[in-house]
Amino acid sequence: MIQVVLSLYIHRHLASRHLIDLLSNMGVCALYSEARRYEVSAIIGDPQTFSEESFKQLVFDNADFYIRTLDRCGTFHSMGGALCVTPV
């Protein structure tokens, strides 16, 4: 999944299909066609609907990874979230 996200990031910020194809050949990111397919499916997908009586809560958490701990360079920050729904 992270490879598709990287392809989408490159496509949206740099608009370079050539770079996506090059990185895909090296195994760094997904193919351009996969990224476009994911983007289209997210656009035309049906939105989830919940009843008004259900309890909904967004939960987020983050994590920091120090790849090189001696000089504190090369850190990686990750954040993820989930929607929790309790039906009535």
PDB file of N, CA and C in Angstrom:
ATOM      1  N   MET A   1       0.820  -1.194   0.000  1.00  0.00           N
ATOM      2  CA  MET A   1       0.000   0.000   0.000  1.00  0.00           C
ATOM      3  C   MET A   1       0.866   1.261   0.000  1.00  0.00           C
ATOM      4  N   ILE A   2       1.976   1.213   0.726  1.00  0.00           N
ATOM      5  CA  ILE A   2       2.829   2.409   0.786  1.00  0.00           C
ATOM      6  C   ILE A   2       3.418   2.728  -0.584  1.00  0.00           C
ATOM      7  N   GLN A   3       3.597   1.705  -1.421  1.00  0.00           N
ATOM      8  CA  GLN A   3       4.121   1.955  -2.757  1.00  0.00           C
ATOM      9  C   GLN A   3       3.104   2.695  -3.624  1.00  0.00           C
ATOM     10  N   VAL A   4       1.823   2.389  -3.449  1.00  0.00           N
ATOM     11  CA  VAL A   4       0.776   3.099  -4.185  1.00  0.00           C
ATOM     12  C   VAL A   4       0.695   4.542  -3.713  1.00  0.00           C
ATOM     13  N   VAL A   5       0.787   4.744  -2.400  1.00  0.00           N
ATOM     14  CA  VAL A   5       0.732   6.096  -1.847  1.00  0.00           C
ATOM     15  C   VAL A   5       1.900   6.934  -2.351  1.00  0.00           C
ATOM     16  N   LEU A   6       3.084   6.340  -2.433  1.00  0.00           N
ATOM     17  CA  LEU A   6       4.242   7.060  -2.953  1.00  0.00           C
ATOM     18  C   LEU A   6       4.033   7.433  -4.420  1.00  0.00           C
ATOM     19  N   SER A   7       3.460   6.541  -5.200  1.00  0.00           N
ATOM     20  CA  SER A   7       3.166   6.857  -6.600  1.00  0.00           C
ATOM     21  C   SER A   7       2.162   7.992  -6.707  1.00  0.00           C
ATOM     22  N   LEU A   8       1.129   7.969  -5.863  1.00  0.00           N
ATOM     23  CA  LEU A   8       0.149   9.058  -5.863  1.00  0.00           C
ATOM     24  C   LEU A   8       0.782  10.383  -5.468  1.00  0.00           C
ATOM     25  N   TYR A   9       1.671  10.358  -4.479  1.00  0.00           N
ATOM     26  CA  TYR A   9       2.351  11.580  -4.042  1.00  0.00           C
ATOM     27  C   TYR A   9       3.182  12.176  -5.184  1.00  0.00           C
ATOM     28  N   ILE A  10       3.946  11.341  -5.852  1.00  0.00           N
ATOM     29  CA  ILE A  10       4.777  11.817  -6.958  1.00  0.00           C
ATOM     30  C   ILE A  10       3.893  12.360  -8.081  1.00  0.00           C
ATOM     31  N   HIS A  11       2.804  11.660  -8.356  1.00  0.00           N
ATOM     32  CA  HIS A  11       1.907  12.105  -9.432  1.00  0.00           C
ATOM     33  C   HIS A  11       1.267  13.455  -9.114  1.00  0.00           C
ATOM     34  N   ARG A  12       0.829  13.650  -7.877  1.00  0.00           N
ATOM     35  CA  ARG A  12       0.155  14.895  -7.511  1.00  0.00           C
ATOM     36  C   ARG A  12       1.104  16.068  -7.350  1.00  0.00           C
ATOM     37  N   HIS A  13       2.296  15.829  -6.812  1.00  0.00           N
ATOM     38  CA  HIS A  13       3.196  16.945  -6.513  1.00  0.00           C
ATOM     39  C   HIS A  13       4.198  17.237  -7.626  1.00  0.00           C
ATOM     40  N   LEU A  14       4.603  16.217  -8.356  1.00  0.00           N
ATOM     41  CA  LEU A  14       5.609  16.432  -9.392  1.00  0.00           C
ATOM     42  C   LEU A  14       5.057  16.224 -10.802  1.00  0.00           C
ATOM     43  N   ALA A  15       3.908  15.555 -10.898  1.00  0.00           N
ATOM     44  CA  ALA A  15       3.268  15.285 -12.195  1.00  0.00           C
ATOM     45  C   ALA A  15       4.241  14.647 -13.180  1.00  0.00           C
ATOM     46  N   SER A  16       4.964  13.638 -12.694  1.00  0.00           N
ATOM     47  CA  SER A  16       5.973  13.004 -13.527  1.00  0.00           C
ATOM     48  C   SER A  16       5.695  11.511 -13.657  1.00  0.00           C
ATOM     49  N   ARG A  17       5.085  11.134 -14.765  1.00  0.00           N
ATOM     50  CA  ARG A  17       4.848   9.710 -15.015  1.00  0.00           C
ATOM     51  C   ARG A  17       6.175   8.988 -15.257  1.00  0.00           C
ATOM     52  N   HIS A  18       7.110   9.669 -15.881  1.00  0.00           N
ATOM     53  CA  HIS A  18       8.420   9.079 -16.147  1.00  0.00           C
ATOM     54  C   HIS A  18       9.125   8.704 -14.844  1.00  0.00           C
ATOM     55  N   LEU A  19       9.081   9.574 -13.844  1.00  0.00           N
ATOM     56  CA  LEU A  19       9.707   9.280 -12.557  1.00  0.00           C
ATOM     57  C   LEU A  19       9.022   8.105 -11.866  1.00  0.00           C
ATOM     58  N   ILE A  20       7.695   8.039 -11.947  1.00  0.00           N
ATOM     59  CA  ILE A  20       6.963   6.923 -11.353  1.00  0.00           C
ATOM     60  C   ILE A  20       7.352   5.610 -12.025  1.00  0.00           C
ATOM     61  N   ASP A  21       7.433   5.607 -13.351  1.00  0.00           N
ATOM     62  CA  ASP A  21       7.836   4.398 -14.078  1.00  0.00           C
ATOM     63  C   ASP A  21       9.259   3.981 -13.730  1.00  0.00           C
ATOM     64  N   LEU A  22      10.146   4.947 -13.603  1.00  0.00           N
ATOM     65  CA  LEU A  22      11.536   4.652 -13.258  1.00  0.00           C
ATOM     66  C   LEU A  22      11.642   4.046 -11.856  1.00  0.00           C
ATOM     67  N   LEU A  23      10.972   4.664 -10.879  1.00  0.00           N
ATOM     68  CA  LEU A  23      11.005   4.147  -9.512  1.00  0.00           C
ATOM     69  C   LEU A  23      10.275   2.817  -9.391  1.00  0.00           C
ATOM     70  N   SER A  24       9.259   2.611 -10.202  1.00  0.00           N
ATOM     71  CA  SER A  24       8.542   1.346 -10.202  1.00  0.00           C
ATOM     72  C   SER A  24       9.427   0.208 -10.703  1.00  0.00           C
ATOM     73  N   ASN A  25      10.231   0.479 -11.715  1.00  0.00           N
ATOM     74  CA  ASN A  25      11.157  -0.537 -12.225  1.00  0.00           C
ATOM     75  C   ASN A  25      12.194  -0.940 -11.185  1.00  0.00           C
ATOM     76  N   MET A  26      12.509  -0.025 -10.255  1.00  0.00           N
ATOM     77  CA  MET A  26      13.461  -0.329  -9.183  1.00  0.00           C
ATOM     78  C   MET A  26      12.774  -0.931  -7.958  1.00  0.00           C
ATOM     79  N   GLY A  27      11.432  -1.009  -7.982  1.00  0.00           N
ATOM     80  CA  GLY A  27      10.697  -1.601  -6.875  1.00  0.00           C
ATOM     81  C   GLY A  27      10.392  -0.646  -5.736  1.00  0.00           C
ATOM     82  N   VAL A  28      10.573   0.651  -5.959  1.00  0.00           N
ATOM     83  CA  VAL A  28      10.357   1.642  -4.906  1.00  0.00           C
ATOM     84  C   VAL A  28       8.885   2.010  -4.775  1.00  0.00           C
ATOM     85  N   CYS A  29       8.192   2.148  -5.889  1.00  0.00           N
ATOM     86  CA  CYS A  29       6.782   2.539  -5.842  1.00  0.00           C
ATOM     87  C   CYS A  29       5.984   1.681  -6.816  1.00  0.00           C
ATOM     88  N   ALA A  30       4.680   1.850  -6.791  1.00  0.00           N
ATOM     89  CA  ALA A  30       3.784   1.072  -7.646  1.00  0.00           C
ATOM     90  C   ALA A  30       3.781   1.625  -9.074  1.00  0.00           C
ATOM     91  N   LEU A  31       3.241   0.841  -9.974  1.00  0.00           N
ATOM     92  CA  LEU A  31       3.108   1.287 -11.356  1.00  0.00           C
ATOM     93  C   LEU A  31       2.178   2.488 -11.443  1.00  0.00           C
ATOM     94  N   TYR A  32       2.360   3.287 -12.472  1.00  0.00           N
ATOM     95  CA  TYR A  32       1.518   4.451 -12.693  1.00  0.00           C
ATOM     96  C   TYR A  32       0.059   4.030 -12.871  1.00  0.00           C
ATOM     97  N   SER A  33      -0.159   2.940 -13.590  1.00  0.00           N
ATOM     98  CA  SER A  33      -1.529   2.475 -13.824  1.00  0.00           C
ATOM     99  C   SER A  33      -2.196   2.048 -12.523  1.00  0.00           C
ATOM    100  N   GLU A  34      -1.461   1.445 -11.596  1.00  0.00           N
ATOM    101  CA  GLU A  34      -2.033   1.065 -10.307  1.00  0.00           C
ATOM    102  C   GLU A  34      -2.423   2.287  -9.489  1.00  0.00           C
ATOM    103  N   ALA A  35      -1.578   3.305  -9.501  1.00  0.00           N
ATOM    104  CA  ALA A  35      -1.887   4.532  -8.766  1.00  0.00           C
ATOM    105  C   ALA A  35      -3.123   5.210  -9.341  1.00  0.00           C
ATOM    106  N   ARG A  36      -3.241   5.260 -10.649  1.00  0.00           N
ATOM    107  CA  ARG A  36      -4.412   5.872 -11.286  1.00  0.00           C
ATOM    108  C   ARG A  36      -5.669   5.057 -10.994  1.00  0.00           C
ATOM    109  N   ARG A  37      -5.552   3.719 -11.017  1.00  0.00           N
ATOM    110  CA  ARG A  37      -6.701   2.864 -10.721  1.00  0.00           C
ATOM    111  C   ARG A  37      -7.179   3.084  -9.291  1.00  0.00           C
ATOM    112  N   TYR A  38      -6.248   3.213  -8.360  1.00  0.00           N
ATOM    113  CA  TYR A  38      -6.615   3.465  -6.964  1.00  0.00           C
ATOM    114  C   TYR A  38      -7.300   4.826  -6.825  1.00  0.00           C
ATOM    115  N   GLU A  39      -6.773   5.827  -7.498  1.00  0.00           N
ATOM    116  CA  GLU A  39      -7.344   7.169  -7.418  1.00  0.00           C
ATOM    117  C   GLU A  39      -8.764   7.204  -7.987  1.00  0.00           C
ATOM    118  N   VAL A  40      -8.977   6.545  -9.107  1.00  0.00           N
ATOM    119  CA  VAL A  40     -10.300   6.509  -9.722  1.00  0.00           C
ATOM    120  C   VAL A  40     -11.282   5.748  -8.839  1.00  0.00           C
ATOM    121  N   SER A  41     -10.853   4.632  -8.256  1.00  0.00           N
ATOM    122  CA  SER A  41     -11.758   3.860  -7.401  1.00  0.00           C
ATOM    123  C   SER A  41     -12.128   4.636  -6.144  1.00  0.00           C
ATOM    124  N   ALA A  42     -11.220   5.467  -5.645  1.00  0.00           N
ATOM    125  CA  ALA A  42     -11.533   6.288  -4.474  1.00  0.00           C
ATOM    126  C   ALA A  42     -12.528   7.387  -4.828  1.00  0.00           C
ATOM    127  N   ILE A  43     -12.468   7.877  -6.050  1.00  0.00           N
ATOM    128  CA  ILE A  43     -13.378   8.934  -6.478  1.00  0.00           C
ATOM    129  C   ILE A  43     -14.779   8.395  -6.724  1.00  0.00           C
ATOM    130  N   ILE A  44     -14.909   7.257  -7.401  1.00  0.00           N
ATOM    131  CA  ILE A  44     -16.231   6.747  -7.768  1.00  0.00           C
ATOM    132  C   ILE A  44     -16.807   5.802  -6.717  1.00  0.00           C
ATOM    133  N   GLY A  45     -16.082   5.489  -5.672  1.00  0.00           N
ATOM    134  CA  GLY A  45     -16.579   4.598  -4.631  1.00  0.00           C
ATOM    135  C   GLY A  45     -17.728   5.210  -3.858  1.00  0.00           C
ATOM    136  N   ASP A  46     -18.632   4.356  -3.405  1.00  0.00           N
ATOM    137  CA  ASP A  46     -19.775   4.831  -2.632  1.00  0.00           C
ATOM    138  C   ASP A  46     -19.322   5.265  -1.241  1.00  0.00           C
ATOM    139  N   PRO A  47     -19.756   6.448  -0.798  1.00  0.00           N
ATOM    140  CA  PRO A  47     -19.404   6.866   0.558  1.00  0.00           C
ATOM    141  C   PRO A  47     -20.165   6.016   1.581  1.00  0.00           C
ATOM    142  N   GLN A  48     -19.528   5.763   2.701  1.00  0.00           N
ATOM    143  CA  GLN A  48     -20.179   4.978   3.745  1.00  0.00           C
ATOM    144  C   GLN A  48     -21.194   5.854   4.472  1.00  0.00           C
ATOM    145  N   THR A  49     -22.348   5.292   4.739  1.00  0.00           N
ATOM    146  CA  THR A  49     -23.371   6.026   5.466  1.00  0.00           C
ATOM    147  C   THR A  49     -23.662   5.309   6.778  1.00  0.00           C
ATOM    148  N   PHE A  50     -23.910   6.082   7.808  1.00  0.00           N
ATOM    149  CA  PHE A  50     -24.216   5.556   9.129  1.00  0.00           C
ATOM    150  C   PHE A  50     -25.479   6.230   9.622  1.00  0.00           C
ATOM    151  N   SER A  51     -26.198   5.552  10.496  1.00  0.00           N
ATOM    152  CA  SER A  51     -27.414   6.153  11.046  1.00  0.00           C
ATOM    153  C   SER A  51     -27.038   7.274  12.005  1.00  0.00           C
ATOM    154  N   GLU A  52     -27.957   8.192  12.187  1.00  0.00           N
ATOM    155  CA  GLU A  52     -27.726   9.335  13.074  1.00  0.00           C
ATOM    156  C   GLU A  52     -27.571   8.903  14.537  1.00  0.00           C
ATOM    157  N   GLU A  53     -28.161   7.768  14.904  1.00  0.00           N
ATOM    158  CA  GLU A  53     -28.114   7.313  16.290  1.00  0.00           C
ATOM    159  C   GLU A  53     -26.794   6.630  16.652  1.00  0.00           C
ATOM    160  N   SER A  54     -26.012   6.234  15.672  1.00  0.00           N
ATOM    161  CA  SER A  54     -24.762   5.527  15.967  1.00  0.00           C
ATOM    162  C   SER A  54     -23.714   6.490  16.530  1.00  0.00           C
ATOM    163  N   PHE A  55     -22.842   5.931  17.377  1.00  0.00           N
ATOM    164  CA  PHE A  55     -21.758   6.719  17.970  1.00  0.00           C
ATOM    165  C   PHE A  55     -20.530   6.589  17.081  1.00  0.00           C
ATOM    166  N   LYS A  56     -19.969   7.722  16.681  1.00  0.00           N
ATOM    167  CA  LYS A  56     -18.801   7.732  15.805  1.00  0.00           C
ATOM    168  C   LYS A  56     -17.664   8.486  16.485  1.00  0.00           C
ATOM    169  N   GLN A  57     -16.449   7.935  16.381  1.00  0.00           N
ATOM    170  CA  GLN A  57     -15.287   8.586  16.970  1.00  0.00           C
ATOM    171  C   GLN A  57     -14.073   8.339  16.079  1.00  0.00           C
ATOM    172  N   LEU A  58     -13.322   9.401  15.808  1.00  0.00           N
ATOM    173  CA  LEU A  58     -12.073   9.284  15.062  1.00  0.00           C
ATOM    174  C   LEU A  58     -10.931   9.086  16.037  1.00  0.00           C
ATOM    175  N   VAL A  59     -10.074   8.109  15.765  1.00  0.00           N
ATOM    176  CA  VAL A  59      -8.935   7.802  16.626  1.00  0.00           C
ATOM    177  C   VAL A  59      -7.671   7.913  15.781  1.00  0.00           C
ATOM    178  N   PHE A  60      -6.718   8.725  16.235  1.00  0.00           N
ATOM    179  CA  PHE A  60      -5.450   8.910  15.526  1.00  0.00           C
ATOM    180  C   PHE A  60      -4.285   8.656  16.460  1.00  0.00           C
ATOM    181  N   ASP A  61      -3.184   8.228  15.893  1.00  0.00           N
ATOM    182  CA  ASP A  61      -1.959   8.035  16.661  1.00  0.00           C
ATOM    183  C   ASP A  61      -0.779   8.255  15.724  1.00  0.00           C
ATOM    184  N   ASN A  62       0.354   8.593  16.299  1.00  0.00           N
ATOM    185  CA  ASN A  62       1.539   8.807  15.479  1.00  0.00           C
ATOM    186  C   ASN A  62       2.707   8.008  16.036  1.00  0.00           C
ATOM    187  N   ALA A  63       3.723   7.884  15.204  1.00  0.00           N
ATOM    188  CA  ALA A  63       4.935   7.165  15.603  1.00  0.00           C
ATOM    189  C   ALA A  63       6.130   7.841  14.946  1.00  0.00           C
ATOM    190  N   ASP A  64       7.205   7.962  15.690  1.00  0.00           N
ATOM    191  CA  ASP A  64       8.463   8.506  15.172  1.00  0.00           C
ATOM    192  C   ASP A  64       9.513   7.415  15.207  1.00  0.00           C
ATOM    193  N   PHE A  65      10.209   7.225  14.097  1.00  0.00           N
ATOM    194  CA  PHE A  65      11.259   6.230  14.010  1.00  0.00           C
ATOM    195  C   PHE A  65      12.572   6.948  13.749  1.00  0.00           C
ATOM    196  N   TYR A  66      13.537   6.728  14.606  1.00  0.00           N
ATOM    197  CA  TYR A  66      14.859   7.318  14.424  1.00  0.00           C
ATOM    198  C   TYR A  66      15.738   6.297  13.720  1.00  0.00           C
ATOM    199  N   ILE A  67      15.956   6.523  12.446  1.00  0.00           N
ATOM    200  CA  ILE A  67      16.744   5.588  11.653  1.00  0.00           C
ATOM    201  C   ILE A  67      18.214   5.698  12.015  1.00  0.00           C
ATOM    202  N   ARG A  68      18.698   6.912  12.190  1.00  0.00           N
ATOM    203  CA  ARG A  68      20.083   7.151  12.625  1.00  0.00           C
ATOM    204  C   ARG A  68      20.011   7.881  13.963  1.00  0.00           C
ATOM    205  N   THR A  69      20.173   7.160  15.046  1.00  0.00           N
ATOM    206  CA  THR A  69      19.946   7.755  16.362  1.00  0.00           C
ATOM    207  C   THR A  69      21.114   8.586  16.863  1.00  0.00           C
ATOM    208  N   LEU A  70      22.313   8.432  16.326  1.00  0.00           N
ATOM    209  CA  LEU A  70      23.460   9.179  16.840  1.00  0.00           C
ATOM    210  C   LEU A  70      23.359  10.668  16.514  1.00  0.00           C
ATOM    211  N   ASP A  71      23.010  10.998  15.294  1.00  0.00           N
ATOM    212  CA  ASP A  71      22.940  12.411  14.915  1.00  0.00           C
ATOM    213  C   ASP A  71      21.509  12.920  14.765  1.00  0.00           C
ATOM    214  N   ARG A  72      20.505  12.080  15.033  1.00  0.00           N
ATOM    215  CA  ARG A  72      19.083  12.421  14.951  1.00  0.00           C
ATOM    216  C   ARG A  72      18.654  12.857  13.543  1.00  0.00           C
ATOM    217  N   CYS A  73      19.413  12.485  12.536  1.00  0.00           N
ATOM    218  CA  CYS A  73      19.014  12.734  11.155  1.00  0.00           C
ATOM    219  C   CYS A  73      18.349  11.475  10.615  1.00  0.00           C
ATOM    220  N   GLY A  74      17.573  11.635   9.598  1.00  0.00           N
ATOM    221  CA  GLY A  74      16.935  10.479   8.980  1.00  0.00           C
ATOM    222  C   GLY A  74      15.756   9.957   9.775  1.00  0.00           C
ATOM    223  N   THR A  75      15.003  10.828  10.414  1.00  0.00           N
ATOM    224  CA  THR A  75      13.833  10.368  11.157  1.00  0.00           C
ATOM    225  C   THR A  75      12.655  10.182  10.210  1.00  0.00           C
ATOM    226  N   PHE A  76      11.757   9.317  10.602  1.00  0.00           N
ATOM    227  CA  PHE A  76      10.557   9.034   9.825  1.00  0.00           C
ATOM    228  C   PHE A  76       9.357   9.217  10.739  1.00  0.00           C
ATOM    229  N   HIS A  77       8.403  10.038  10.324  1.00  0.00           N
ATOM    230  CA  HIS A  77       7.205  10.290  11.110  1.00  0.00           C
ATOM    231  C   HIS A  77       6.014   9.679  10.395  1.00  0.00           C
ATOM    232  N   SER A  78       5.233   8.901  11.115  1.00  0.00           N
ATOM    233  CA  SER A  78       4.074   8.242  10.546  1.00  0.00           C
ATOM    234  C   SER A  78       2.839   8.561  11.371  1.00  0.00           C
ATOM    235  N   MET A  79       1.711   8.741  10.695  1.00  0.00           N
ATOM    236  CA  MET A  79       0.458   8.992  11.395  1.00  0.00           C
ATOM    237  C   MET A  79      -0.651   8.200  10.722  1.00  0.00           C
ATOM    238  N   GLY A  80      -1.515   7.619  11.532  1.00  0.00           N
ATOM    239  CA  GLY A  80      -2.612   6.837  10.999  1.00  0.00           C
ATOM    240  C   GLY A  80      -3.869   7.074  11.808  1.00  0.00           C
ATOM    241  N   GLY A  81      -5.000   6.794  11.216  1.00  0.00           N
ATOM    242  CA  GLY A  81      -6.259   7.013  11.896  1.00  0.00           C
ATOM    243  C   GLY A  81      -7.288   5.983  11.518  1.00  0.00           C
ATOM    244  N   ALA A  82      -8.334   5.909  12.338  1.00  0.00           N
ATOM    245  CA  ALA A  82      -9.429   4.976  12.083  1.00  0.00           C
ATOM    246  C   ALA A  82     -10.735   5.622  12.554  1.00  0.00           C
ATOM    247  N   LEU A  83     -11.804   5.287  11.884  1.00  0.00           N
ATOM    248  CA  LEU A  83     -13.139   5.716  12.290  1.00  0.00           C
ATOM    249  C   LEU A  83     -13.802   4.543  12.994  1.00  0.00           C
ATOM    250  N   CYS A  84     -14.148   4.732  14.256  1.00  0.00           N
ATOM    251  CA  CYS A  84     -14.812   3.691  15.045  1.00  0.00           C
ATOM    252  C   CYS A  84     -16.301   4.023  15.107  1.00  0.00           C
ATOM    253  N   VAL A  85     -17.141   3.045  14.763  1.00  0.00           N
ATOM    254  CA  VAL A  85     -18.585   3.248  14.745  1.00  0.00           C
ATOM    255  C   VAL A  85     -19.228   2.171  15.608  1.00  0.00           C
ATOM    256  N   THR A  86     -20.069   2.607  16.549  1.00  0.00           N
ATOM    257  CA  THR A  86     -20.833   1.687  17.381  1.00  0.00           C
ATOM    258  C   THR A  86     -22.297   1.797  16.975  1.00  0.00           C
ATOM    259  N   PRO A  87     -22.837   0.746  16.367  1.00  0.00           N
ATOM    260  CA  PRO A  87     -24.243   0.806  15.961  1.00  0.00           C
ATOM    261  C   PRO A  87     -25.164   0.793  17.173  1.00  0.00           C
ATOM    262  N   VAL A  88     -26.334   1.350  16.973  1.00  0.00           N
ATOM    263  CA  VAL A  88     -27.327   1.391  18.072  1.00  0.00           C
ATOM    264  C   VAL A  88     -28.210   0.174  17.988  1.00  0.00           C
TER     265      VAL A  88
END
